[in-house]
């Protein structure tokens, strides 16, 4: 099984690995990776794999997609390197940083909506330059949106720490707030969950189950602008936002 190192370390963007298998002609499975696969509303990383280490002078493959099935598959342009090939991976750092900032902002938004409006998050999608979040609520007005934006930027200014760790699912279900962790959204087959906390360790502002990448602190998110809302069916709203 591929060692998914992005789960513990979201700041490393270059790494050495070995090709374990190739599926089809273009899907590479590595023994370890820092490439994030699409999931949880966060798009995949992109970047390159090179044959000859850090110099990049050897054959290079563009990583155009990363998918998590039973293994993590790196989709490359052209014919894939042979199994056993030693490669040097480079993750597009700017794209990763954007996704990490937006994912952290989404956690803040989910917590604010729950605190201020008792509105539970039902879905989200983020990109490198904008994002949206869906929640269970009748309709936000302009004053609501201004309140949400102000709360978000207050949290950014507070520069709260962000940390993550693994926890046995039974323990998580017994000890953590189900409204915030949203463990019920995870398949029953997942028995160990990754918890992301924002704020003081003894009394965090938010704590939820999540396998995405995040900024090291809320200050890294930067200013947030709530750009509008749309109705997503009966009693569901979508909040759109961008980061500077």
C-alpha atoms as a PDB file:
ATOM      1  CA  UNK A   1       0.000   0.000   0.000  1.00  0.00           C
ATOM      2  CA  UNK A   2       1.272   3.464  -0.880  1.00  0.00           C
ATOM      3  CA  UNK A   3       2.549   5.466   2.095  1.00  0.00           C
ATOM      4  CA  UNK A   4       0.317   8.577   1.868  1.00  0.00           C
ATOM      5  CA  UNK A   5       2.740  11.058   3.377  1.00  0.00           C
ATOM      6  CA  UNK A   6       0.616  14.143   2.602  1.00  0.00           C
ATOM      7  CA  UNK A   7      -1.594  13.098   5.538  1.00  0.00           C
ATOM      8  CA  UNK A   8       1.146  13.944   8.054  1.00  0.00           C
ATOM      9  CA  UNK A   9       3.135  16.543   6.137  1.00  0.00           C
ATOM     10  CA  UNK A  10       1.414  19.100   3.892  1.00  0.00           C
ATOM     11  CA  UNK A  11       4.560  21.229   3.460  1.00  0.00           C
ATOM     12  CA  UNK A  12       6.862  18.775   1.635  1.00  0.00           C
ATOM     13  CA  UNK A  13       6.623  19.135  -2.144  1.00  0.00           C
ATOM     14  CA  UNK A  14       9.644  17.123  -3.358  1.00  0.00           C
ATOM     15  CA  UNK A  15      10.369  13.477  -2.609  1.00  0.00           C
ATOM     16  CA  UNK A  16      11.990  10.249  -3.811  1.00  0.00           C
ATOM     17  CA  UNK A  17       9.926   7.143  -4.548  1.00  0.00           C
ATOM     18  CA  UNK A  18       9.899   3.882  -6.463  1.00  0.00           C
ATOM     19  CA  UNK A  19       7.322   2.787  -9.029  1.00  0.00           C
ATOM     20  CA  UNK A  20       5.599  -0.320  -7.635  1.00  0.00           C
ATOM     21  CA  UNK A  21       3.110  -1.041 -10.409  1.00  0.00           C
ATOM     22  CA  UNK A  22       1.624   0.526 -13.535  1.00  0.00           C
ATOM     23  CA  UNK A  23      -2.058   0.210 -14.371  1.00  0.00           C
ATOM     24  CA  UNK A  24      -3.018   0.549 -17.998  1.00  0.00           C
ATOM     25  CA  UNK A  25      -0.419   2.656 -19.763  1.00  0.00           C
ATOM     26  CA  UNK A  26      -0.568   5.844 -17.688  1.00  0.00           C
ATOM     27  CA  UNK A  27      -1.491   5.156 -14.021  1.00  0.00           C
ATOM     28  CA  UNK A  28       1.541   4.926 -11.756  1.00  0.00           C
ATOM     29  CA  UNK A  29       1.439   3.458  -8.246  1.00  0.00           C
ATOM     30  CA  UNK A  30       4.358   4.543  -6.032  1.00  0.00           C
ATOM     31  CA  UNK A  31       5.624   3.095  -2.758  1.00  0.00           C
ATOM     32  CA  UNK A  32       5.235   6.558  -1.173  1.00  0.00           C
ATOM     33  CA  UNK A  33       3.729   9.858  -2.266  1.00  0.00           C
ATOM     34  CA  UNK A  34       3.086  13.453  -1.300  1.00  0.00           C
ATOM     35  CA  UNK A  35       0.603  13.925  -4.173  1.00  0.00           C
ATOM     36  CA  UNK A  36      -2.925  14.492  -2.855  1.00  0.00           C
ATOM     37  CA  UNK A  37      -5.677  12.513  -4.651  1.00  0.00           C
ATOM     38  CA  UNK A  38      -9.061  14.099  -5.371  1.00  0.00           C
ATOM     39  CA  UNK A  39     -11.395  13.719  -2.408  1.00  0.00           C
ATOM     40  CA  UNK A  40     -13.449  15.504   0.244  1.00  0.00           C
ATOM     41  CA  UNK A  41     -14.136  18.457  -2.049  1.00  0.00           C
ATOM     42  CA  UNK A  42     -10.408  19.051  -2.616  1.00  0.00           C
ATOM     43  CA  UNK A  43      -8.974  18.613  -6.137  1.00  0.00           C
ATOM     44  CA  UNK A  44      -5.893  16.513  -6.808  1.00  0.00           C
ATOM     45  CA  UNK A  45      -2.354  17.802  -6.854  1.00  0.00           C
ATOM     46  CA  UNK A  46      -0.426  18.073 -10.105  1.00  0.00           C
ATOM     47  CA  UNK A  47       3.318  18.120 -10.754  1.00  0.00           C
ATOM     48  CA  UNK A  48       6.011  15.877 -12.232  1.00  0.00           C
ATOM     49  CA  UNK A  49       7.862  12.606 -11.815  1.00  0.00           C
ATOM     50  CA  UNK A  50      11.488  12.540 -13.058  1.00  0.00           C
ATOM     51  CA  UNK A  51      13.754   9.549 -13.612  1.00  0.00           C
ATOM     52  CA  UNK A  52      17.069  11.112 -12.633  1.00  0.00           C
ATOM     53  CA  UNK A  53      16.486  12.633  -9.229  1.00  0.00           C
ATOM     54  CA  UNK A  54      16.587  16.278  -8.220  1.00  0.00           C
ATOM     55  CA  UNK A  55      18.504  17.451 -11.281  1.00  0.00           C
ATOM     56  CA  UNK A  56      15.488  16.867 -13.506  1.00  0.00           C
ATOM     57  CA  UNK A  57      17.811  16.200 -16.454  1.00  0.00           C
ATOM     58  CA  UNK A  58      16.333  12.771 -17.168  1.00  0.00           C
ATOM     59  CA  UNK A  59      12.991  11.712 -18.554  1.00  0.00           C
ATOM     60  CA  UNK A  60      10.089  13.551 -16.932  1.00  0.00           C
ATOM     61  CA  UNK A  61       6.394  12.728 -16.759  1.00  0.00           C
ATOM     62  CA  UNK A  62       3.701  15.331 -16.028  1.00  0.00           C
ATOM     63  CA  UNK A  63       1.309  14.188 -13.301  1.00  0.00           C
ATOM     64  CA  UNK A  64      -2.085  15.364 -14.547  1.00  0.00           C
ATOM     65  CA  UNK A  65      -4.404  13.597 -12.117  1.00  0.00           C
ATOM     66  CA  UNK A  66      -4.207  11.647  -8.842  1.00  0.00           C
ATOM     67  CA  UNK A  67      -6.934   9.185  -7.842  1.00  0.00           C
ATOM     68  CA  UNK A  68      -7.456   7.054  -4.770  1.00  0.00           C
ATOM     69  CA  UNK A  69      -9.028   3.668  -5.469  1.00  0.00           C
ATOM     70  CA  UNK A  70      -7.660   0.600  -3.668  1.00  0.00           C
ATOM     71  CA  UNK A  71      -4.272   2.274  -4.279  1.00  0.00           C
ATOM     72  CA  UNK A  72      -3.219   5.856  -5.054  1.00  0.00           C
ATOM     73  CA  UNK A  73      -2.823   6.195  -8.827  1.00  0.00           C
ATOM     74  CA  UNK A  74      -0.788   8.993 -10.446  1.00  0.00           C
ATOM     75  CA  UNK A  75      -2.018   9.616 -13.994  1.00  0.00           C
ATOM     76  CA  UNK A  76       0.884  10.703 -16.212  1.00  0.00           C
ATOM     77  CA  UNK A  77       1.099  12.117 -19.703  1.00  0.00           C
ATOM     78  CA  UNK A  78       2.681   9.626 -22.095  1.00  0.00           C
ATOM     79  CA  UNK A  79       3.862   6.094 -21.392  1.00  0.00           C
ATOM     80  CA  UNK A  80       4.471   5.488 -17.700  1.00  0.00           C
ATOM     81  CA  UNK A  81       7.865   4.552 -16.200  1.00  0.00           C
ATOM     82  CA  UNK A  82       8.448   0.829 -15.699  1.00  0.00           C
ATOM     83  CA  UNK A  83       7.879  -0.844 -12.299  1.00  0.00           C
ATOM     84  CA  UNK A  84      11.037  -0.632 -10.198  1.00  0.00           C
ATOM     85  CA  UNK A  85      12.011   2.783 -11.607  1.00  0.00           C
ATOM     86  CA  UNK A  86      13.335   5.242  -9.022  1.00  0.00           C
ATOM     87  CA  UNK A  87      11.666   8.621  -9.520  1.00  0.00           C
ATOM     88  CA  UNK A  88      11.780  12.086  -8.002  1.00  0.00           C
ATOM     89  CA  UNK A  89       8.369  13.670  -7.438  1.00  0.00           C
ATOM     90  CA  UNK A  90       7.619  17.393  -7.490  1.00  0.00           C
ATOM     91  CA  UNK A  91       4.216  18.618  -6.337  1.00  0.00           C
ATOM     92  CA  UNK A  92       2.987  21.956  -7.747  1.00  0.00           C
ATOM     93  CA  UNK A  93       3.520  23.935  -4.533  1.00  0.00           C
ATOM     94  CA  UNK A  94       1.394  26.949  -5.510  1.00  0.00           C
ATOM     95  CA  UNK A  95      -1.620  24.773  -6.357  1.00  0.00           C
ATOM     96  CA  UNK A  96      -1.217  22.771  -3.123  1.00  0.00           C
ATOM     97  CA  UNK A  97      -0.930  25.930  -1.018  1.00  0.00           C
ATOM     98  CA  UNK A  98      -4.081  27.371  -2.574  1.00  0.00           C
ATOM     99  CA  UNK A  99      -6.025  24.176  -1.885  1.00  0.00           C
ATOM    100  CA  UNK A 100      -4.731  24.030   1.714  1.00  0.00           C
ATOM    101  CA  UNK A 101      -5.751  27.644   2.372  1.00  0.00           C
ATOM    102  CA  UNK A 102      -9.214  27.127   0.886  1.00  0.00           C
ATOM    103  CA  UNK A 103      -9.722  23.860   2.776  1.00  0.00           C
ATOM    104  CA  UNK A 104      -8.832  25.547   6.063  1.00  0.00           C
ATOM    105  CA  UNK A 105     -11.192  28.422   5.251  1.00  0.00           C
ATOM    106  CA  UNK A 106     -13.950  25.894   4.569  1.00  0.00           C
ATOM    107  CA  UNK A 107     -13.486  24.438   8.065  1.00  0.00           C
ATOM    108  CA  UNK A 108     -13.790  27.933   9.540  1.00  0.00           C
ATOM    109  CA  UNK A 109     -16.918  28.618   7.486  1.00  0.00           C
ATOM    110  CA  UNK A 110     -18.518  25.329   8.550  1.00  0.00           C
ATOM    111  CA  UNK A 111     -17.900  26.157  12.208  1.00  0.00           C
ATOM    112  CA  UNK A 112     -19.204  29.727  11.880  1.00  0.00           C
ATOM    113  CA  UNK A 113     -22.392  28.573  10.146  1.00  0.00           C
ATOM    114  CA  UNK A 114     -23.001  25.997  12.876  1.00  0.00           C
ATOM    115  CA  UNK A 115     -22.338  28.484  15.687  1.00  0.00           C
ATOM    116  CA  UNK A 116     -24.228  31.446  14.250  1.00  0.00           C
ATOM    117  CA  UNK A 117     -27.094  29.815  12.337  1.00  0.00           C
ATOM    118  CA  UNK A 118     -27.209  26.169  13.471  1.00  0.00           C
ATOM    119  CA  UNK A 119     -26.608  25.369   9.793  1.00  0.00           C
ATOM    120  CA  UNK A 120     -24.902  22.036   9.229  1.00  0.00           C
ATOM    121  CA  UNK A 121     -22.540  21.645   6.260  1.00  0.00           C
ATOM    122  CA  UNK A 122     -23.868  19.220   3.634  1.00  0.00           C
ATOM    123  CA  UNK A 123     -21.159  19.566   0.977  1.00  0.00           C
ATOM    124  CA  UNK A 124     -18.316  21.672  -0.324  1.00  0.00           C
ATOM    125  CA  UNK A 125     -16.064  22.118  -3.336  1.00  0.00           C
ATOM    126  CA  UNK A 126     -12.843  24.088  -3.489  1.00  0.00           C
ATOM    127  CA  UNK A 127     -10.537  25.161  -6.297  1.00  0.00           C
ATOM    128  CA  UNK A 128      -7.295  27.136  -6.519  1.00  0.00           C
ATOM    129  CA  UNK A 129      -9.108  30.492  -6.831  1.00  0.00           C
ATOM    130  CA  UNK A 130     -12.604  30.101  -5.307  1.00  0.00           C
ATOM    131  CA  UNK A 131     -14.790  27.749  -3.282  1.00  0.00           C
ATOM    132  CA  UNK A 132     -18.342  27.128  -2.158  1.00  0.00           C
ATOM    133  CA  UNK A 133     -20.030  25.394   0.740  1.00  0.00           C
ATOM    134  CA  UNK A 134     -23.551  23.950   0.920  1.00  0.00           C
ATOM    135  CA  UNK A 135     -25.473  23.893   4.188  1.00  0.00           C
ATOM    136  CA  UNK A 136     -28.891  23.123   5.641  1.00  0.00           C
ATOM    137  CA  UNK A 137     -30.522  26.564   5.970  1.00  0.00           C
ATOM    138  CA  UNK A 138     -33.573  28.328   4.542  1.00  0.00           C
ATOM    139  CA  UNK A 139     -32.016  31.512   3.162  1.00  0.00           C
ATOM    140  CA  UNK A 140     -29.215  33.920   4.082  1.00  0.00           C
ATOM    141  CA  UNK A 141     -29.752  37.658   3.612  1.00  0.00           C
ATOM    142  CA  UNK A 142     -27.130  40.357   3.030  1.00  0.00           C
ATOM    143  CA  UNK A 143     -26.730  41.029   6.753  1.00  0.00           C
ATOM    144  CA  UNK A 144     -26.120  37.321   7.339  1.00  0.00           C
ATOM    145  CA  UNK A 145     -23.410  37.261   4.689  1.00  0.00           C
ATOM    146  CA  UNK A 146     -21.713  40.299   6.227  1.00  0.00           C
ATOM    147  CA  UNK A 147     -21.811  38.612   9.643  1.00  0.00           C
ATOM    148  CA  UNK A 148     -20.289  35.444   8.196  1.00  0.00           C
ATOM    149  CA  UNK A 149     -17.501  37.374   6.455  1.00  0.00           C
ATOM    150  CA  UNK A 150     -16.687  39.381   9.582  1.00  0.00           C
ATOM    151  CA  UNK A 151     -16.498  36.249  11.749  1.00  0.00           C
ATOM    152  CA  UNK A 152     -14.247  34.517   9.208  1.00  0.00           C
ATOM    153  CA  UNK A 153     -11.808  37.405   9.044  1.00  0.00           C
ATOM    154  CA  UNK A 154     -11.754  37.729  12.843  1.00  0.00           C
ATOM    155  CA  UNK A 155     -10.701  34.062  13.001  1.00  0.00           C
ATOM    156  CA  UNK A 156      -8.018  34.653  10.377  1.00  0.00           C
ATOM    157  CA  UNK A 157      -6.705  37.643  12.339  1.00  0.00           C
ATOM    158  CA  UNK A 158      -6.569  35.505  15.505  1.00  0.00           C
ATOM    159  CA  UNK A 159      -3.975  33.255  13.775  1.00  0.00           C
ATOM    160  CA  UNK A 160      -5.244  30.098  15.464  1.00  0.00           C
ATOM    161  CA  UNK A 161      -3.059  26.978  15.171  1.00  0.00           C
ATOM    162  CA  UNK A 162      -4.236  24.094  12.969  1.00  0.00           C
ATOM    163  CA  UNK A 163      -3.200  20.519  13.760  1.00  0.00           C
ATOM    164  CA  UNK A 164      -4.236  16.988  12.792  1.00  0.00           C
ATOM    165  CA  UNK A 165      -3.910  13.498  14.239  1.00  0.00           C
ATOM    166  CA  UNK A 166      -5.376   9.987  13.901  1.00  0.00           C
ATOM    167  CA  UNK A 167      -7.936   8.542  16.303  1.00  0.00           C
ATOM    168  CA  UNK A 168      -9.699   5.192  16.619  1.00  0.00           C
ATOM    169  CA  UNK A 169     -13.217   5.618  15.259  1.00  0.00           C
ATOM    170  CA  UNK A 170     -14.952   4.143  18.305  1.00  0.00           C
ATOM    171  CA  UNK A 171     -13.079   6.525  20.583  1.00  0.00           C
ATOM    172  CA  UNK A 172     -13.855   9.460  18.285  1.00  0.00           C
ATOM    173  CA  UNK A 173     -17.563   8.620  18.216  1.00  0.00           C
ATOM    174  CA  UNK A 174     -17.639   8.253  22.007  1.00  0.00           C
ATOM    175  CA  UNK A 175     -15.737  11.435  22.903  1.00  0.00           C
ATOM    176  CA  UNK A 176     -16.155  14.031  20.127  1.00  0.00           C
ATOM    177  CA  UNK A 177     -19.087  16.277  19.182  1.00  0.00           C
ATOM    178  CA  UNK A 178     -20.905  14.497  16.300  1.00  0.00           C
ATOM    179  CA  UNK A 179     -22.228  17.773  14.829  1.00  0.00           C
ATOM    180  CA  UNK A 180     -18.701  19.055  14.366  1.00  0.00           C
ATOM    181  CA  UNK A 181     -16.793  15.888  13.512  1.00  0.00           C
ATOM    182  CA  UNK A 182     -19.485  14.667  11.057  1.00  0.00           C
ATOM    183  CA  UNK A 183     -18.240  11.096  11.450  1.00  0.00           C
ATOM    184  CA  UNK A 184     -21.568   9.807  10.153  1.00  0.00           C
ATOM    185  CA  UNK A 185     -20.513  10.932   6.672  1.00  0.00           C
ATOM    186  CA  UNK A 186     -17.629   8.422   6.614  1.00  0.00           C
ATOM    187  CA  UNK A 187     -18.081   4.836   5.362  1.00  0.00           C
ATOM    188  CA  UNK A 188     -18.361   2.229   8.141  1.00  0.00           C
ATOM    189  CA  UNK A 189     -15.249   0.522   6.762  1.00  0.00           C
ATOM    190  CA  UNK A 190     -13.043   3.414   7.966  1.00  0.00           C
ATOM    191  CA  UNK A 191     -12.020   2.444  11.506  1.00  0.00           C
ATOM    192  CA  UNK A 192      -9.281   5.017  12.075  1.00  0.00           C
ATOM    193  CA  UNK A 193     -10.150   8.651  11.419  1.00  0.00           C
ATOM    194  CA  UNK A 194      -7.993  11.703  10.861  1.00  0.00           C
ATOM    195  CA  UNK A 195      -9.094  14.599  13.057  1.00  0.00           C
ATOM    196  CA  UNK A 196      -8.328  18.240  12.208  1.00  0.00           C
ATOM    197  CA  UNK A 197      -8.457  20.757  15.074  1.00  0.00           C
ATOM    198  CA  UNK A 198      -8.366  24.547  14.922  1.00  0.00           C
ATOM    199  CA  UNK A 199      -7.568  26.622  18.007  1.00  0.00           C
ATOM    200  CA  UNK A 200      -6.458  25.856  21.546  1.00  0.00           C
ATOM    201  CA  UNK A 201      -5.779  22.170  22.179  1.00  0.00           C
ATOM    202  CA  UNK A 202      -7.824  22.167  25.413  1.00  0.00           C
ATOM    203  CA  UNK A 203     -10.795  23.995  23.903  1.00  0.00           C
ATOM    204  CA  UNK A 204     -10.564  24.023  20.082  1.00  0.00           C
ATOM    205  CA  UNK A 205     -12.763  26.320  18.022  1.00  0.00           C
ATOM    206  CA  UNK A 206     -13.399  23.506  15.565  1.00  0.00           C
ATOM    207  CA  UNK A 207     -12.702  19.785  15.439  1.00  0.00           C
ATOM    208  CA  UNK A 208     -13.760  17.615  12.518  1.00  0.00           C
ATOM    209  CA  UNK A 209     -12.874  14.451  10.619  1.00  0.00           C
ATOM    210  CA  UNK A 210     -11.012  15.292   7.423  1.00  0.00           C
ATOM    211  CA  UNK A 211      -8.332  13.752   5.188  1.00  0.00           C
ATOM    212  CA  UNK A 212      -7.464  16.944   3.289  1.00  0.00           C
ATOM    213  CA  UNK A 213      -4.459  19.259   3.470  1.00  0.00           C
ATOM    214  CA  UNK A 214      -4.565  22.433   5.548  1.00  0.00           C
ATOM    215  CA  UNK A 215      -2.627  25.568   6.407  1.00  0.00           C
ATOM    216  CA  UNK A 216      -0.541  25.560   9.588  1.00  0.00           C
ATOM    217  CA  UNK A 217      -2.615  28.369  11.102  1.00  0.00           C
ATOM    218  CA  UNK A 218      -5.688  30.431  10.279  1.00  0.00           C
ATOM    219  CA  UNK A 219      -3.433  33.427   9.639  1.00  0.00           C
ATOM    220  CA  UNK A 220      -2.074  31.620   6.584  1.00  0.00           C
ATOM    221  CA  UNK A 221      -5.570  31.645   5.052  1.00  0.00           C
ATOM    222  CA  UNK A 222      -5.491  35.402   4.466  1.00  0.00           C
ATOM    223  CA  UNK A 223      -8.471  37.750   3.981  1.00  0.00           C
ATOM    224  CA  UNK A 224     -11.782  36.078   3.071  1.00  0.00           C
ATOM    225  CA  UNK A 225     -14.484  37.636   0.877  1.00  0.00           C
ATOM    226  CA  UNK A 226     -17.979  36.119   0.849  1.00  0.00           C
ATOM    227  CA  UNK A 227     -19.085  36.732  -2.728  1.00  0.00           C
ATOM    228  CA  UNK A 228     -22.713  35.618  -2.532  1.00  0.00           C
ATOM    229  CA  UNK A 229     -25.212  32.843  -1.973  1.00  0.00           C
ATOM    230  CA  UNK A 230     -27.543  30.700  -4.069  1.00  0.00           C
ATOM    231  CA  UNK A 231     -30.451  28.434  -3.230  1.00  0.00           C
ATOM    232  CA  UNK A 232     -29.685  24.720  -3.534  1.00  0.00           C
ATOM    233  CA  UNK A 233     -33.174  23.310  -3.279  1.00  0.00           C
ATOM    234  CA  UNK A 234     -35.553  23.282  -0.338  1.00  0.00           C
ATOM    235  CA  UNK A 235     -33.922  24.567   2.882  1.00  0.00           C
ATOM    236  CA  UNK A 236     -30.393  24.404   1.459  1.00  0.00           C
ATOM    237  CA  UNK A 237     -28.055  27.309   0.751  1.00  0.00           C
ATOM    238  CA  UNK A 238     -24.711  27.638  -1.026  1.00  0.00           C
ATOM    239  CA  UNK A 239     -22.191  30.213   0.234  1.00  0.00           C
ATOM    240  CA  UNK A 240     -19.505  31.300  -2.244  1.00  0.00           C
ATOM    241  CA  UNK A 241     -16.183  32.765  -1.134  1.00  0.00           C
ATOM    242  CA  UNK A 242     -12.736  33.734  -2.369  1.00  0.00           C
ATOM    243  CA  UNK A 243      -9.365  34.321  -0.687  1.00  0.00           C
ATOM    244  CA  UNK A 244      -6.978  37.139  -1.487  1.00  0.00           C
END
